[in-house]
Amino acid sequence: MVKAQWDKTRLWFRQNATVRFPSQLLLSPHFQQFDYLDAAAWGWIAHQERITAQVWHTKQGVFRRKVLADVRDDPMRGQ
């Protein structure tokens, strides 16, 4: 078990010792995932605001909060 692991490790180092260019770390898929998660979070917040009924029962009657028009800029849209 240990010898097999050592052989695999030695082979890995031997293969990577011949590489003549630096390895590239691609982070763009991760940043795109952040954008998707941000859009999903904004959608979830808007959904929760729509489904939450804000109702007050008083002696004078029942009052509901009016849903105001959303005038905010779309966070996913460029300036």
PDB file of N, CA and C in Angstrom:
ATOM      1  N   MET A   1       0.833  -1.198   0.000  1.00  0.00           N
ATOM      2  CA  MET A   1       0.000   0.000   0.000  1.00  0.00           C
ATOM      3  C   MET A   1       0.874   1.257   0.000  1.00  0.00           C
ATOM      4  N   VAL A   2       1.808   1.324   0.944  1.00  0.00           N
ATOM      5  CA  VAL A   2       2.670   2.498   1.033  1.00  0.00           C
ATOM      6  C   VAL A   2       3.581   2.573  -0.192  1.00  0.00           C
ATOM      7  N   LYS A   3       4.106   1.402  -0.616  1.00  0.00           N
ATOM      8  CA  LYS A   3       4.999   1.385  -1.789  1.00  0.00           C
ATOM      9  C   LYS A   3       4.248   1.810  -3.045  1.00  0.00           C
ATOM     10  N   ALA A   4       3.001   1.369  -3.198  1.00  0.00           N
ATOM     11  CA  ALA A   4       2.210   1.754  -4.366  1.00  0.00           C
ATOM     12  C   ALA A   4       1.952   3.266  -4.368  1.00  0.00           C
ATOM     13  N   GLN A   5       1.653   3.820  -3.209  1.00  0.00           N
ATOM     14  CA  GLN A   5       1.429   5.268  -3.107  1.00  0.00           C
ATOM     15  C   GLN A   5       2.719   6.024  -3.423  1.00  0.00           C
ATOM     16  N   TRP A   6       3.841   5.508  -2.929  1.00  0.00           N
ATOM     17  CA  TRP A   6       5.124   6.157  -3.204  1.00  0.00           C
ATOM     18  C   TRP A   6       5.444   6.116  -4.701  1.00  0.00           C
ATOM     19  N   ASP A   7       5.146   4.998  -5.342  1.00  0.00           N
ATOM     20  CA  ASP A   7       5.387   4.892  -6.782  1.00  0.00           C
ATOM     21  C   ASP A   7       4.516   5.883  -7.563  1.00  0.00           C
ATOM     22  N   LYS A   8       3.260   6.022  -7.166  1.00  0.00           N
ATOM     23  CA  LYS A   8       2.378   6.978  -7.827  1.00  0.00           C
ATOM     24  C   LYS A   8       2.872   8.409  -7.625  1.00  0.00           C
ATOM     25  N   THR A   9       3.326   8.705  -6.414  1.00  0.00           N
ATOM     26  CA  THR A   9       3.828  10.049  -6.126  1.00  0.00           C
ATOM     27  C   THR A   9       5.098  10.325  -6.929  1.00  0.00           C
ATOM     28  N   ARG A  10       6.001   9.365  -6.988  1.00  0.00           N
ATOM     29  CA  ARG A  10       7.243   9.537  -7.739  1.00  0.00           C
ATOM     30  C   ARG A  10       6.942   9.734  -9.234  1.00  0.00           C
ATOM     31  N   LEU A  11       5.988   8.963  -9.761  1.00  0.00           N
ATOM     32  CA  LEU A  11       5.604   9.111 -11.163  1.00  0.00           C
ATOM     33  C   LEU A  11       5.018  10.497 -11.433  1.00  0.00           C
ATOM     34  N   TRP A  12       4.194  10.970 -10.524  1.00  0.00           N
ATOM     35  CA  TRP A  12       3.599  12.306 -10.681  1.00  0.00           C
ATOM     36  C   TRP A  12       4.683  13.379 -10.721  1.00  0.00           C
ATOM     37  N   PHE A  13       5.640  13.297  -9.787  1.00  0.00           N
ATOM     38  CA  PHE A  13       6.723  14.278  -9.768  1.00  0.00           C
ATOM     39  C   PHE A  13       7.586  14.169 -11.025  1.00  0.00           C
ATOM     40  N   ARG A  14       7.822  12.958 -11.494  1.00  0.00           N
ATOM     41  CA  ARG A  14       8.629  12.775 -12.688  1.00  0.00           C
ATOM     42  C   ARG A  14       7.930  13.390 -13.910  1.00  0.00           C
ATOM     43  N   GLN A  15       6.613  13.203 -14.032  1.00  0.00           N
ATOM     44  CA  GLN A  15       5.870  13.769 -15.159  1.00  0.00           C
ATOM     45  C   GLN A  15       5.828  15.296 -15.084  1.00  0.00           C
ATOM     46  N   ASN A  16       5.679  15.845 -13.903  1.00  0.00           N
ATOM     47  CA  ASN A  16       5.571  17.296 -13.763  1.00  0.00           C
ATOM     48  C   ASN A  16       6.922  17.985 -13.793  1.00  0.00           C
ATOM     49  N   ALA A  17       7.996  17.247 -13.643  1.00  0.00           N
ATOM     50  CA  ALA A  17       9.328  17.858 -13.702  1.00  0.00           C
ATOM     51  C   ALA A  17       9.696  18.233 -15.125  1.00  0.00           C
ATOM     52  N   THR A  18       9.049  17.638 -16.114  1.00  0.00           N
ATOM     53  CA  THR A  18       9.384  17.917 -17.510  1.00  0.00           C
ATOM     54  C   THR A  18       8.545  19.049 -18.104  1.00  0.00           C
ATOM     55  N   VAL A  19       7.626  19.588 -17.353  1.00  0.00           N
ATOM     56  CA  VAL A  19       6.762  20.655 -17.850  1.00  0.00           C
ATOM     57  C   VAL A  19       7.588  21.929 -18.009  1.00  0.00           C
ATOM     58  N   ARG A  20       7.427  22.636 -19.132  1.00  0.00           N
ATOM     59  CA  ARG A  20       8.251  23.813 -19.418  1.00  0.00           C
ATOM     60  C   ARG A  20       7.451  25.126 -19.327  1.00  0.00           C
ATOM     61  N   PHE A  21       6.224  25.080 -18.940  1.00  0.00           N
ATOM     62  CA  PHE A  21       5.426  26.292 -18.815  1.00  0.00           C
ATOM     63  C   PHE A  21       4.715  26.265 -17.463  1.00  0.00           C
ATOM     64  N   PRO A  22       4.386  27.426 -16.917  1.00  0.00           N
ATOM     65  CA  PRO A  22       3.691  27.440 -15.616  1.00  0.00           C
ATOM     66  C   PRO A  22       2.252  26.935 -15.763  1.00  0.00           C
ATOM     67  N   SER A  23       1.793  26.298 -14.744  1.00  0.00           N
ATOM     68  CA  SER A  23       0.402  25.831 -14.785  1.00  0.00           C
ATOM     69  C   SER A  23      -0.532  27.036 -14.717  1.00  0.00           C
ATOM     70  N   GLN A  24      -1.669  26.909 -15.332  1.00  0.00           N
ATOM     71  CA  GLN A  24      -2.634  28.006 -15.364  1.00  0.00           C
ATOM     72  C   GLN A  24      -3.794  27.676 -14.443  1.00  0.00           C
ATOM     73  N   LEU A  25      -4.124  28.642 -13.635  1.00  0.00           N
ATOM     74  CA  LEU A  25      -5.256  28.508 -12.742  1.00  0.00           C
ATOM     75  C   LEU A  25      -6.413  29.303 -13.339  1.00  0.00           C
ATOM     76  N   LEU A  26      -7.439  28.615 -13.748  1.00  0.00           N
ATOM     77  CA  LEU A  26      -8.598  29.277 -14.366  1.00  0.00           C
ATOM     78  C   LEU A  26      -9.656  29.548 -13.306  1.00  0.00           C
ATOM     79  N   LEU A  27      -9.869  30.816 -13.023  1.00  0.00           N
ATOM     80  CA  LEU A  27     -10.847  31.188 -12.001  1.00  0.00           C
ATOM     81  C   LEU A  27     -12.144  31.728 -12.591  1.00  0.00           C
ATOM     82  N   SER A  28     -12.191  31.917 -13.908  1.00  0.00           N
ATOM     83  CA  SER A  28     -13.390  32.513 -14.498  1.00  0.00           C
ATOM     84  C   SER A  28     -14.655  31.676 -14.243  1.00  0.00           C
ATOM     85  N   PRO A  29     -14.612  30.330 -14.284  1.00  0.00           N
ATOM     86  CA  PRO A  29     -15.846  29.599 -13.958  1.00  0.00           C
ATOM     87  C   PRO A  29     -16.331  29.854 -12.532  1.00  0.00           C
ATOM     88  N   HIS A  30     -15.392  30.051 -11.612  1.00  0.00           N
ATOM     89  CA  HIS A  30     -15.786  30.315 -10.227  1.00  0.00           C
ATOM     90  C   HIS A  30     -16.444  31.690 -10.104  1.00  0.00           C
ATOM     91  N   PHE A  31     -15.892  32.687 -10.802  1.00  0.00           N
ATOM     92  CA  PHE A  31     -16.495  34.014 -10.755  1.00  0.00           C
ATOM     93  C   PHE A  31     -17.864  34.021 -11.431  1.00  0.00           C
ATOM     94  N   GLN A  32     -18.028  33.248 -12.499  1.00  0.00           N
ATOM     95  CA  GLN A  32     -19.343  33.146 -13.131  1.00  0.00           C
ATOM     96  C   GLN A  32     -20.336  32.509 -12.173  1.00  0.00           C
ATOM     97  N   GLN A  33     -19.884  31.544 -11.399  1.00  0.00           N
ATOM     98  CA  GLN A  33     -20.769  30.905 -10.413  1.00  0.00           C
ATOM     99  C   GLN A  33     -21.232  31.932  -9.376  1.00  0.00           C
ATOM    100  N   PHE A  34     -20.328  32.852  -8.970  1.00  0.00           N
ATOM    101  CA  PHE A  34     -20.731  33.911  -8.041  1.00  0.00           C
ATOM    102  C   PHE A  34     -21.828  34.775  -8.655  1.00  0.00           C
ATOM    103  N   ASP A  35     -21.696  35.096  -9.947  1.00  0.00           N
ATOM    104  CA  ASP A  35     -22.726  35.894 -10.614  1.00  0.00           C
ATOM    105  C   ASP A  35     -24.067  35.175 -10.612  1.00  0.00           C
ATOM    106  N   TYR A  36     -24.044  33.878 -10.902  1.00  0.00           N
ATOM    107  CA  TYR A  36     -25.287  33.110 -10.915  1.00  0.00           C
ATOM    108  C   TYR A  36     -25.908  33.051  -9.527  1.00  0.00           C
ATOM    109  N   LEU A  37     -25.083  32.856  -8.512  1.00  0.00           N
ATOM    110  CA  LEU A  37     -25.601  32.793  -7.152  1.00  0.00           C
ATOM    111  C   LEU A  37     -26.165  34.140  -6.718  1.00  0.00           C
ATOM    112  N   ASP A  38     -25.519  35.236  -7.147  1.00  0.00           N
ATOM    113  CA  ASP A  38     -26.016  36.565  -6.810  1.00  0.00           C
ATOM    114  C   ASP A  38     -27.381  36.803  -7.445  1.00  0.00           C
ATOM    115  N   ALA A  39     -27.523  36.428  -8.703  1.00  0.00           N
ATOM    116  CA  ALA A  39     -28.810  36.585  -9.380  1.00  0.00           C
ATOM    117  C   ALA A  39     -29.875  35.722  -8.711  1.00  0.00           C
ATOM    118  N   ALA A  40     -29.516  34.516  -8.319  1.00  0.00           N
ATOM    119  CA  ALA A  40     -30.469  33.635  -7.642  1.00  0.00           C
ATOM    120  C   ALA A  40     -30.880  34.218  -6.292  1.00  0.00           C
ATOM    121  N   ALA A  41     -29.930  34.821  -5.583  1.00  0.00           N
ATOM    122  CA  ALA A  41     -30.252  35.421  -4.278  1.00  0.00           C
ATOM    123  C   ALA A  41     -31.212  36.595  -4.442  1.00  0.00           C
ATOM    124  N   TRP A  42     -30.963  37.446  -5.448  1.00  0.00           N
ATOM    125  CA  TRP A  42     -31.885  38.560  -5.682  1.00  0.00           C
ATOM    126  C   TRP A  42     -33.275  38.051  -6.044  1.00  0.00           C
ATOM    127  N   GLY A  43     -33.338  37.008  -6.840  1.00  0.00           N
ATOM    128  CA  GLY A  43     -34.632  36.429  -7.201  1.00  0.00           C
ATOM    129  C   GLY A  43     -35.359  35.867  -5.996  1.00  0.00           C
ATOM    130  N   TRP A  44     -34.607  35.226  -5.100  1.00  0.00           N
ATOM    131  CA  TRP A  44     -35.204  34.651  -3.891  1.00  0.00           C
ATOM    132  C   TRP A  44     -35.740  35.751  -2.985  1.00  0.00           C
ATOM    133  N   ILE A  45     -34.990  36.847  -2.861  1.00  0.00           N
ATOM    134  CA  ILE A  45     -35.450  37.970  -2.024  1.00  0.00           C
ATOM    135  C   ILE A  45     -36.734  38.557  -2.592  1.00  0.00           C
ATOM    136  N   ALA A  46     -36.770  38.757  -3.890  1.00  0.00           N
ATOM    137  CA  ALA A  46     -37.984  39.304  -4.520  1.00  0.00           C
ATOM    138  C   ALA A  46     -39.165  38.359  -4.327  1.00  0.00           C
ATOM    139  N   HIS A  47     -38.919  37.065  -4.454  1.00  0.00           N
ATOM    140  CA  HIS A  47     -39.981  36.074  -4.266  1.00  0.00           C
ATOM    141  C   HIS A  47     -40.508  36.124  -2.831  1.00  0.00           C
ATOM    142  N   GLN A  48     -39.612  36.188  -1.855  1.00  0.00           N
ATOM    143  CA  GLN A  48     -40.041  36.238  -0.456  1.00  0.00           C
ATOM    144  C   GLN A  48     -40.837  37.507  -0.167  1.00  0.00           C
ATOM    145  N   GLU A  49     -40.431  38.622  -0.771  1.00  0.00           N
ATOM    146  CA  GLU A  49     -41.182  39.860  -0.561  1.00  0.00           C
ATOM    147  C   GLU A  49     -42.582  39.765  -1.146  1.00  0.00           C
ATOM    148  N   ARG A  50     -42.728  39.061  -2.264  1.00  0.00           N
ATOM    149  CA  ARG A  50     -44.054  38.930  -2.885  1.00  0.00           C
ATOM    150  C   ARG A  50     -44.969  38.007  -2.090  1.00  0.00           C
ATOM    151  N   ILE A  51     -44.427  36.893  -1.561  1.00  0.00           N
ATOM    152  CA  ILE A  51     -45.316  35.922  -0.928  1.00  0.00           C
ATOM    153  C   ILE A  51     -45.605  36.235   0.536  1.00  0.00           C
ATOM    154  N   THR A  52     -44.834  37.125   1.136  1.00  0.00           N
ATOM    155  CA  THR A  52     -45.062  37.448   2.539  1.00  0.00           C
ATOM    156  C   THR A  52     -46.218  38.434   2.632  1.00  0.00           C
ATOM    157  N   ALA A  53     -47.297  37.998   3.258  1.00  0.00           N
ATOM    158  CA  ALA A  53     -48.470  38.861   3.414  1.00  0.00           C
ATOM    159  C   ALA A  53     -48.272  39.717   4.653  1.00  0.00           C
ATOM    160  N   GLN A  54     -48.320  41.008   4.466  1.00  0.00           N
ATOM    161  CA  GLN A  54     -48.185  41.920   5.597  1.00  0.00           C
ATOM    162  C   GLN A  54     -49.560  42.512   5.864  1.00  0.00           C
ATOM    163  N   VAL A  55     -50.197  41.959   6.878  1.00  0.00           N
ATOM    164  CA  VAL A  55     -51.581  42.308   7.197  1.00  0.00           C
ATOM    165  C   VAL A  55     -51.658  42.700   8.667  1.00  0.00           C
ATOM    166  N   TRP A  56     -52.382  43.800   8.939  1.00  0.00           N
ATOM    167  CA  TRP A  56     -52.619  44.224  10.303  1.00  0.00           C
ATOM    168  C   TRP A  56     -54.120  44.208  10.574  1.00  0.00           C
ATOM    169  N   HIS A  57     -54.483  43.560  11.666  1.00  0.00           N
ATOM    170  CA  HIS A  57     -55.889  43.534  12.085  1.00  0.00           C
ATOM    171  C   HIS A  57     -56.035  44.503  13.248  1.00  0.00           C
ATOM    172  N   THR A  58     -56.853  45.516  13.065  1.00  0.00           N
ATOM    173  CA  THR A  58     -57.083  46.505  14.123  1.00  0.00           C
ATOM    174  C   THR A  58     -58.584  46.630  14.352  1.00  0.00           C
ATOM    175  N   LYS A  59     -58.944  47.456  15.318  1.00  0.00           N
ATOM    176  CA  LYS A  59     -60.365  47.690  15.572  1.00  0.00           C
ATOM    177  C   LYS A  59     -61.033  48.383  14.381  1.00  0.00           C
ATOM    178  N   GLN A  60     -60.253  49.166  13.643  1.00  0.00           N
ATOM    179  CA  GLN A  60     -60.807  49.886  12.507  1.00  0.00           C
ATOM    180  C   GLN A  60     -60.951  49.002  11.267  1.00  0.00           C
ATOM    181  N   GLY A  61     -60.272  47.879  11.229  1.00  0.00           N
ATOM    182  CA  GLY A  61     -60.374  47.009  10.079  1.00  0.00           C
ATOM    183  C   GLY A  61     -59.063  46.290   9.784  1.00  0.00           C
ATOM    184  N   VAL A  62     -58.989  45.735   8.592  1.00  0.00           N
ATOM    185  CA  VAL A  62     -57.811  44.981   8.165  1.00  0.00           C
ATOM    186  C   VAL A  62     -57.034  45.841   7.167  1.00  0.00           C
ATOM    187  N   PHE A  63     -55.757  45.970   7.418  1.00  0.00           N
ATOM    188  CA  PHE A  63     -54.904  46.779   6.546  1.00  0.00           C
ATOM    189  C   PHE A  63     -53.820  45.896   5.941  1.00  0.00           C
ATOM    190  N   ARG A  64     -53.591  46.091   4.667  1.00  0.00           N
ATOM    191  CA  ARG A  64     -52.528  45.365   3.951  1.00  0.00           C
ATOM    192  C   ARG A  64     -51.527  46.369   3.411  1.00  0.00           C
ATOM    193  N   ARG A  65     -50.285  45.982   3.428  1.00  0.00           N
ATOM    194  CA  ARG A  65     -49.246  46.835   2.847  1.00  0.00           C
ATOM    195  C   ARG A  65     -49.309  46.732   1.329  1.00  0.00           C
ATOM    196  N   LYS A  66     -49.338  47.874   0.695  1.00  0.00           N
ATOM    197  CA  LYS A  66     -49.342  47.890  -0.766  1.00  0.00           C
ATOM    198  C   LYS A  66     -47.959  47.524  -1.283  1.00  0.00           C
ATOM    199  N   VAL A  67     -47.931  46.770  -2.357  1.00  0.00           N
ATOM    200  CA  VAL A  67     -46.665  46.441  -2.998  1.00  0.00           C
ATOM    201  C   VAL A  67     -46.298  47.600  -3.906  1.00  0.00           C
ATOM    202  N   LEU A  68     -45.164  48.230  -3.593  1.00  0.00           N
ATOM    203  CA  LEU A  68     -44.726  49.382  -4.373  1.00  0.00           C
ATOM    204  C   LEU A  68     -43.972  48.912  -5.612  1.00  0.00           C
ATOM    205  N   ALA A  69     -43.948  49.763  -6.612  1.00  0.00           N
ATOM    206  CA  ALA A  69     -43.204  49.449  -7.827  1.00  0.00           C
ATOM    207  C   ALA A  69     -41.717  49.403  -7.506  1.00  0.00           C
ATOM    208  N   ASP A  70     -41.023  48.449  -8.083  1.00  0.00           N
ATOM    209  CA  ASP A  70     -39.594  48.300  -7.858  1.00  0.00           C
ATOM    210  C   ASP A  70     -38.852  49.238  -8.806  1.00  0.00           C
ATOM    211  N   VAL A  71     -38.198  50.251  -8.243  1.00  0.00           N
ATOM    212  CA  VAL A  71     -37.510  51.233  -9.062  1.00  0.00           C
ATOM    213  C   VAL A  71     -35.994  51.056  -9.006  1.00  0.00           C
ATOM    214  N   ARG A  72     -35.538  50.005  -8.340  1.00  0.00           N
ATOM    215  CA  ARG A  72     -34.095  49.769  -8.260  1.00  0.00           C
ATOM    216  C   ARG A  72     -33.551  49.312  -9.607  1.00  0.00           C
ATOM    217  N   ASP A  73     -32.293  49.587  -9.829  1.00  0.00           N
ATOM    218  CA  ASP A  73     -31.632  49.093 -11.035  1.00  0.00           C
ATOM    219  C   ASP A  73     -31.388  47.603 -10.896  1.00  0.00           C
ATOM    220  N   ASP A  74     -31.412  46.926 -12.011  1.00  0.00           N
ATOM    221  CA  ASP A  74     -31.114  45.502 -12.026  1.00  0.00           C
ATOM    222  C   ASP A  74     -29.631  45.316 -11.685  1.00  0.00           C
ATOM    223  N   PRO A  75     -29.292  44.564 -10.618  1.00  0.00           N
ATOM    224  CA  PRO A  75     -27.892  44.437 -10.215  1.00  0.00           C
ATOM    225  C   PRO A  75     -27.051  43.672 -11.247  1.00  0.00           C
ATOM    226  N   MET A  76     -27.674  42.910 -12.121  1.00  0.00           N
ATOM    227  CA  MET A  76     -26.918  42.126 -13.097  1.00  0.00           C
ATOM    228  C   MET A  76     -26.710  42.887 -14.402  1.00  0.00           C
ATOM    229  N   ARG A  77     -27.289  44.068 -14.500  1.00  0.00           N
ATOM    230  CA  ARG A  77     -27.175  44.840 -15.738  1.00  0.00           C
ATOM    231  C   ARG A  77     -26.017  45.822 -15.615  1.00  0.00           C
ATOM    232  N   GLY A  78     -25.222  45.924 -16.652  1.00  0.00           N
ATOM    233  CA  GLY A  78     -24.075  46.834 -16.631  1.00  0.00           C
ATOM    234  C   GLY A  78     -24.501  48.287 -16.588  1.00  0.00           C
ATOM    235  N   GLN A  79     -23.629  49.117 -16.104  1.00  0.00           N
ATOM    236  CA  GLN A  79     -23.920  50.545 -15.973  1.00  0.00           C
ATOM    237  C   GLN A  79     -23.835  51.227 -17.311  1.00  0.00           C
TER     238      GLN A  79
END
